[in-house]
Each structure stands twice: as structure tokens, then as C-alpha cells.
Amino acid sequence: MVATNEAGDNVCTGICVIPGFDIAAAPCRQSSLADCTAHAEMVLVRETQARGGPAAAQGATVYASGEPCAMCAAALFRADVSRVVYAASQAEMTRIMGGPTLPIAARAVLAGASRAVRVDGPWLEAEAAAVLQVAAARTRSGELRGRLALAWPQDR
């Protein structure tokens, strides 16, 4: 997966794997769109549904570089995603990247949902943290422009 970091956007990225249909990917675009809701998962849901209609993500697995926040977890539920796999936990992302946080785990948001959404993670958290640390430092210094490659684990 390649995530762009133009215009100061952070490096969080989402990938949507839709059974028998397609693979979609989207980076965080909060800065470039001047939209505080443009987290990678939100952009992913919007773009997937714009391309394939309201049911486009039904049954999909979403892979995220970081644990989805409460807003994103709710959007993934509403998009009818079946599974979420993330690398870095919210706590680890906050430790590395700082900023305000709403410390509600994606599992907790989705626990009482009327339809089950499987949440797996953190996966390869130390590796994800190393990537995020470099990216956060480069973003703060203004150095990071271009692309950052992220590798994802196979489904278990």
C-alpha cells in the first residue's frame, strides 16, 4: 500500500478489500481537504460508495494503518464492512503523533452494534510504530513529501 503525504496530511491509510469486486485505498486527507472528518477510513467509505453505490463495501475487510477512531468505526459499520484489521493501536498512535484523542477503542464502539463487525489488531504494532515515528518526525519538520510504503499481513 502506498500512502501519500502531500499538504501535511498524516500517513494513516485505509485499504478496503471487497469480496469478488475490487480493492480500494485511501489516505488521510484532513489537511489537503481542510476537513477534520477526512480520516483515511472516512475517505475510503466515501470514495468506495461514490464509485460503487451505497452497498459497495458490504462484506468488505478494511485494513487500516491505525485503529479506527469512534467516528470511523461507526462509518465502517454504516457502510456494512464485516471486518476491520489495524496495525497501530490508538494509544500507540497518540504516543507517537500526539494531538487530541477520543480514547474509545474501535471494538468498544462496535461491541453493541446490531450487526457484528470483527475487529482484529493491533497487528505488527512495533513495525507500524517505527513507520509512524519516522513519518511523524518528517511531517513535523516539513521534510516528508511523496510516498511511504506500508506492507500488510495476510489474513489469518
C-alpha atoms as a PDB file:
ATOM      1  CA  MET A   1       0.000   0.000   0.000  1.00  0.00           C
ATOM      2  CA  VAL A   2       1.309   3.437  -0.827  1.00  0.00           C
ATOM      3  CA  ALA A   3       0.138   6.437   1.172  1.00  0.00           C
ATOM      4  CA  THR A   4       0.773   9.964   0.028  1.00  0.00           C
ATOM      5  CA  ASN A   5       1.604  12.724   2.472  1.00  0.00           C
ATOM      6  CA  GLU A   6       1.080  15.874   0.442  1.00  0.00           C
ATOM      7  CA  ALA A   7      -0.103  19.147   2.003  1.00  0.00           C
ATOM      8  CA  GLY A   8       0.713  17.970   5.526  1.00  0.00           C
ATOM      9  CA  ASP A   9      -1.745  15.062   5.683  1.00  0.00           C
ATOM     10  CA  ASN A  10      -0.710  12.379   8.140  1.00  0.00           C
ATOM     11  CA  VAL A  11       0.313   8.961   6.872  1.00  0.00           C
ATOM     12  CA  CYS A  12      -2.679   6.947   8.046  1.00  0.00           C
ATOM     13  CA  THR A  13      -4.120   4.848   5.264  1.00  0.00           C
ATOM     14  CA  GLY A  14      -7.091   2.544   4.703  1.00  0.00           C
ATOM     15  CA  ILE A  15      -7.499  -0.305   2.241  1.00  0.00           C
ATOM     16  CA  CYS A  16     -10.888  -1.856   1.501  1.00  0.00           C
ATOM     17  CA  VAL A  17     -10.941  -5.414   0.138  1.00  0.00           C
ATOM     18  CA  ILE A  18     -14.399  -6.121  -1.269  1.00  0.00           C
ATOM     19  CA  PRO A  19     -15.240  -9.801  -1.867  1.00  0.00           C
ATOM     20  CA  GLY A  20     -15.429 -10.573  -5.573  1.00  0.00           C
ATOM     21  CA  PHE A  21     -15.331  -6.901  -6.535  1.00  0.00           C
ATOM     22  CA  ASP A  22     -12.356  -4.663  -6.030  1.00  0.00           C
ATOM     23  CA  ILE A  23      -9.661  -3.227  -3.835  1.00  0.00           C
ATOM     24  CA  ALA A  24      -9.865   0.440  -2.914  1.00  0.00           C
ATOM     25  CA  ALA A  25      -7.343   2.533  -1.000  1.00  0.00           C
ATOM     26  CA  ALA A  26      -7.429   5.999   0.501  1.00  0.00           C
ATOM     27  CA  PRO A  27      -5.053   8.125   2.580  1.00  0.00           C
ATOM     28  CA  CYS A  28      -5.941  10.599   5.290  1.00  0.00           C
ATOM     29  CA  ARG A  29      -6.851  13.925   3.668  1.00  0.00           C
ATOM     30  CA  GLN A  30      -7.612  16.154   6.645  1.00  0.00           C
ATOM     31  CA  SER A  31      -5.126  18.862   5.675  1.00  0.00           C
ATOM     32  CA  SER A  32      -5.421  18.716   1.896  1.00  0.00           C
ATOM     33  CA  LEU A  33      -9.240  18.861   2.025  1.00  0.00           C
ATOM     34  CA  ALA A  34      -9.395  21.160   5.071  1.00  0.00           C
ATOM     35  CA  ASP A  35     -11.861  18.637   6.523  1.00  0.00           C
ATOM     36  CA  CYS A  36     -11.441  17.335  10.066  1.00  0.00           C
ATOM     37  CA  THR A  37     -13.564  14.282   9.173  1.00  0.00           C
ATOM     38  CA  ALA A  38     -11.351  13.220   6.243  1.00  0.00           C
ATOM     39  CA  HIS A  39      -9.664  10.392   8.146  1.00  0.00           C
ATOM     40  CA  ALA A  40      -8.450   7.585   5.870  1.00  0.00           C
ATOM     41  CA  GLU A  41     -11.404   5.327   6.723  1.00  0.00           C
ATOM     42  CA  MET A  42     -13.941   8.100   6.070  1.00  0.00           C
ATOM     43  CA  VAL A  43     -12.320   8.955   2.727  1.00  0.00           C
ATOM     44  CA  LEU A  44     -12.267   5.241   1.892  1.00  0.00           C
ATOM     45  CA  VAL A  45     -16.007   4.836   2.614  1.00  0.00           C
ATOM     46  CA  ARG A  46     -16.911   7.990   0.668  1.00  0.00           C
ATOM     47  CA  GLU A  47     -14.823   7.066  -2.380  1.00  0.00           C
ATOM     48  CA  THR A  48     -15.894   3.409  -2.381  1.00  0.00           C
ATOM     49  CA  GLN A  49     -19.583   4.305  -2.213  1.00  0.00           C
ATOM     50  CA  ALA A  50     -19.218   7.095  -4.786  1.00  0.00           C
ATOM     51  CA  ARG A  51     -17.689   4.566  -7.174  1.00  0.00           C
ATOM     52  CA  GLY A  52     -19.840   1.539  -6.416  1.00  0.00           C
ATOM     53  CA  GLY A  53     -23.025   2.753  -4.735  1.00  0.00           C
ATOM     54  CA  PRO A  54     -24.285   2.562  -1.140  1.00  0.00           C
ATOM     55  CA  ALA A  55     -23.700  -1.208  -0.838  1.00  0.00           C
ATOM     56  CA  ALA A  56     -20.192  -1.141  -2.356  1.00  0.00           C
ATOM     57  CA  ALA A  57     -18.393  -2.041   0.880  1.00  0.00           C
ATOM     58  CA  GLN A  58     -20.865  -4.701   2.014  1.00  0.00           C
ATOM     59  CA  GLY A  59     -18.967  -7.646   3.458  1.00  0.00           C
ATOM     60  CA  ALA A  60     -15.586  -5.970   2.932  1.00  0.00           C
ATOM     61  CA  THR A  61     -12.488  -6.162   5.077  1.00  0.00           C
ATOM     62  CA  VAL A  62     -10.816  -2.833   5.782  1.00  0.00           C
ATOM     63  CA  TYR A  63      -7.113  -2.753   6.620  1.00  0.00           C
ATOM     64  CA  ALA A  64      -6.018   0.409   8.424  1.00  0.00           C
ATOM     65  CA  SER A  65      -2.586   1.626   9.415  1.00  0.00           C
ATOM     66  CA  GLY A  66      -4.069   2.736  12.738  1.00  0.00           C
ATOM     67  CA  GLU A  67      -7.008   1.722  14.894  1.00  0.00           C
ATOM     68  CA  PRO A  68     -10.133   3.483  13.652  1.00  0.00           C
ATOM     69  CA  CYS A  69     -11.476   6.231  15.901  1.00  0.00           C
ATOM     70  CA  ALA A  70     -15.097   6.205  17.088  1.00  0.00           C
ATOM     71  CA  MET A  71     -16.267   8.249  14.069  1.00  0.00           C
ATOM     72  CA  CYS A  72     -14.518   5.952  11.601  1.00  0.00           C
ATOM     73  CA  ALA A  73     -15.652   2.754  13.341  1.00  0.00           C
ATOM     74  CA  ALA A  74     -19.249   3.973  13.126  1.00  0.00           C
ATOM     75  CA  ALA A  75     -18.836   4.852   9.432  1.00  0.00           C
ATOM     76  CA  LEU A  76     -17.399   1.398   8.701  1.00  0.00           C
ATOM     77  CA  PHE A  77     -20.387  -0.168  10.445  1.00  0.00           C
ATOM     78  CA  ARG A  78     -22.812   2.018   8.457  1.00  0.00           C
ATOM     79  CA  ALA A  79     -21.004   1.050   5.232  1.00  0.00           C
ATOM     80  CA  ASP A  80     -21.675  -2.628   6.101  1.00  0.00           C
ATOM     81  CA  VAL A  81     -18.000  -3.583   6.430  1.00  0.00           C
ATOM     82  CA  SER A  82     -17.626  -7.056   8.011  1.00  0.00           C
ATOM     83  CA  ARG A  83     -14.085  -6.866   9.333  1.00  0.00           C
ATOM     84  CA  VAL A  84     -11.535  -4.260  10.375  1.00  0.00           C
ATOM     85  CA  VAL A  85      -7.827  -5.076  10.725  1.00  0.00           C
ATOM     86  CA  TYR A  86      -5.469  -2.413  12.051  1.00  0.00           C
ATOM     87  CA  ALA A  87      -1.754  -2.138  12.726  1.00  0.00           C
ATOM     88  CA  ALA A  88      -1.158   0.515  15.421  1.00  0.00           C
ATOM     89  CA  SER A  89      -3.473   0.970  18.396  1.00  0.00           C
ATOM     90  CA  GLN A  90      -4.990   4.355  19.196  1.00  0.00           C
ATOM     91  CA  ALA A  91      -2.766   4.583  22.278  1.00  0.00           C
ATOM     92  CA  GLU A  92       0.383   3.976  20.224  1.00  0.00           C
ATOM     93  CA  MET A  93      -0.668   6.455  17.539  1.00  0.00           C
ATOM     94  CA  THR A  94      -1.355   9.129  20.175  1.00  0.00           C
ATOM     95  CA  ARG A  95       2.019   8.454  21.813  1.00  0.00           C
ATOM     96  CA  ILE A  96       3.808   8.932  18.502  1.00  0.00           C
ATOM     97  CA  MET A  97       1.754  11.575  16.746  1.00  0.00           C
ATOM     98  CA  GLY A  98       0.232  13.484  19.659  1.00  0.00           C
ATOM     99  CA  GLY A  99      -2.848  15.610  19.203  1.00  0.00           C
ATOM    100  CA  PRO A 100      -6.344  15.330  20.614  1.00  0.00           C
ATOM    101  CA  THR A 101      -7.835  11.900  21.046  1.00  0.00           C
ATOM    102  CA  LEU A 102     -11.181  10.325  21.810  1.00  0.00           C
ATOM    103  CA  PRO A 103      -9.909   7.204  23.580  1.00  0.00           C
ATOM    104  CA  ILE A 104     -12.712   4.817  22.676  1.00  0.00           C
ATOM    105  CA  ALA A 105     -11.456   1.602  21.121  1.00  0.00           C
ATOM    106  CA  ALA A 106     -12.986   0.518  17.807  1.00  0.00           C
ATOM    107  CA  ARG A 107     -14.002  -2.769  19.480  1.00  0.00           C
ATOM    108  CA  ALA A 108     -15.929  -0.854  22.141  1.00  0.00           C
ATOM    109  CA  VAL A 109     -17.726   1.282  19.559  1.00  0.00           C
ATOM    110  CA  LEU A 110     -18.763  -1.789  17.569  1.00  0.00           C
ATOM    111  CA  ALA A 111     -19.453  -4.131  20.522  1.00  0.00           C
ATOM    112  CA  GLY A 112     -23.134  -3.295  20.856  1.00  0.00           C
ATOM    113  CA  ALA A 113     -23.851  -2.981  17.147  1.00  0.00           C
ATOM    114  CA  SER A 114     -26.914  -4.727  15.723  1.00  0.00           C
ATOM    115  CA  ARG A 115     -24.645  -6.471  13.180  1.00  0.00           C
ATOM    116  CA  ALA A 116     -21.302  -7.965  14.095  1.00  0.00           C
ATOM    117  CA  VAL A 117     -18.122  -6.345  12.794  1.00  0.00           C
ATOM    118  CA  ARG A 118     -14.963  -8.315  13.527  1.00  0.00           C
ATOM    119  CA  VAL A 119     -12.077  -6.148  14.763  1.00  0.00           C
ATOM    120  CA  ASP A 120      -8.532  -7.548  14.673  1.00  0.00           C
ATOM    121  CA  GLY A 121      -5.498  -5.686  15.906  1.00  0.00           C
ATOM    122  CA  PRO A 122      -3.078  -4.445  16.673  1.00  0.00           C
ATOM    123  CA  TRP A 123      -1.078  -6.377  14.068  1.00  0.00           C
ATOM    124  CA  LEU A 124       2.645  -5.730  13.622  1.00  0.00           C
ATOM    125  CA  GLU A 125       2.329  -2.786  16.008  1.00  0.00           C
ATOM    126  CA  ALA A 126       6.071  -2.382  16.576  1.00  0.00           C
ATOM    127  CA  GLU A 127       6.669  -2.254  12.815  1.00  0.00           C
ATOM    128  CA  ALA A 128       3.781   0.172  12.307  1.00  0.00           C
ATOM    129  CA  ALA A 129       5.066   2.339  15.166  1.00  0.00           C
ATOM    130  CA  ALA A 130       8.509   2.521  13.567  1.00  0.00           C
ATOM    131  CA  VAL A 131       6.996   3.733  10.286  1.00  0.00           C
ATOM    132  CA  LEU A 132       4.756   6.226  12.092  1.00  0.00           C
ATOM    133  CA  GLN A 133       7.673   7.592  14.151  1.00  0.00           C
ATOM    134  CA  VAL A 134       9.725   8.332  11.044  1.00  0.00           C
ATOM    135  CA  ALA A 135       6.732   9.789   9.224  1.00  0.00           C
ATOM    136  CA  ALA A 136       5.691  11.929  12.212  1.00  0.00           C
ATOM    137  CA  ALA A 137       9.199  13.338  12.587  1.00  0.00           C
ATOM    138  CA  ARG A 138       9.468  14.083   8.883  1.00  0.00           C
ATOM    139  CA  THR A 139       5.991  15.596   8.782  1.00  0.00           C
ATOM    140  CA  ARG A 140       6.786  17.895  11.729  1.00  0.00           C
ATOM    141  CA  SER A 141       9.997  19.010  10.020  1.00  0.00           C
ATOM    142  CA  GLY A 142       8.258  19.520   6.665  1.00  0.00           C
ATOM    143  CA  GLU A 143      10.632  17.003   5.085  1.00  0.00           C
ATOM    144  CA  LEU A 144       8.150  14.269   4.184  1.00  0.00           C
ATOM    145  CA  ARG A 145       6.738  14.762   0.731  1.00  0.00           C
ATOM    146  CA  GLY A 146       5.935  11.929  -1.619  1.00  0.00           C
ATOM    147  CA  ARG A 147       5.193   8.336  -0.769  1.00  0.00           C
ATOM    148  CA  LEU A 148       5.504   5.973   2.138  1.00  0.00           C
ATOM    149  CA  ALA A 149       5.216   2.214   1.546  1.00  0.00           C
ATOM    150  CA  LEU A 150       3.312   0.102   4.067  1.00  0.00           C
ATOM    151  CA  ALA A 151       3.102  -3.695   3.997  1.00  0.00           C
ATOM    152  CA  TRP A 152       0.107  -5.585   5.354  1.00  0.00           C
ATOM    153  CA  PRO A 153      -0.117  -9.074   6.885  1.00  0.00           C
ATOM    154  CA  GLN A 154      -2.020 -11.883   5.231  1.00  0.00           C
ATOM    155  CA  ASP A 155      -5.440 -12.735   6.680  1.00  0.00           C
ATOM    156  CA  ARG A 156      -5.161 -15.315   9.413  1.00  0.00           C
END
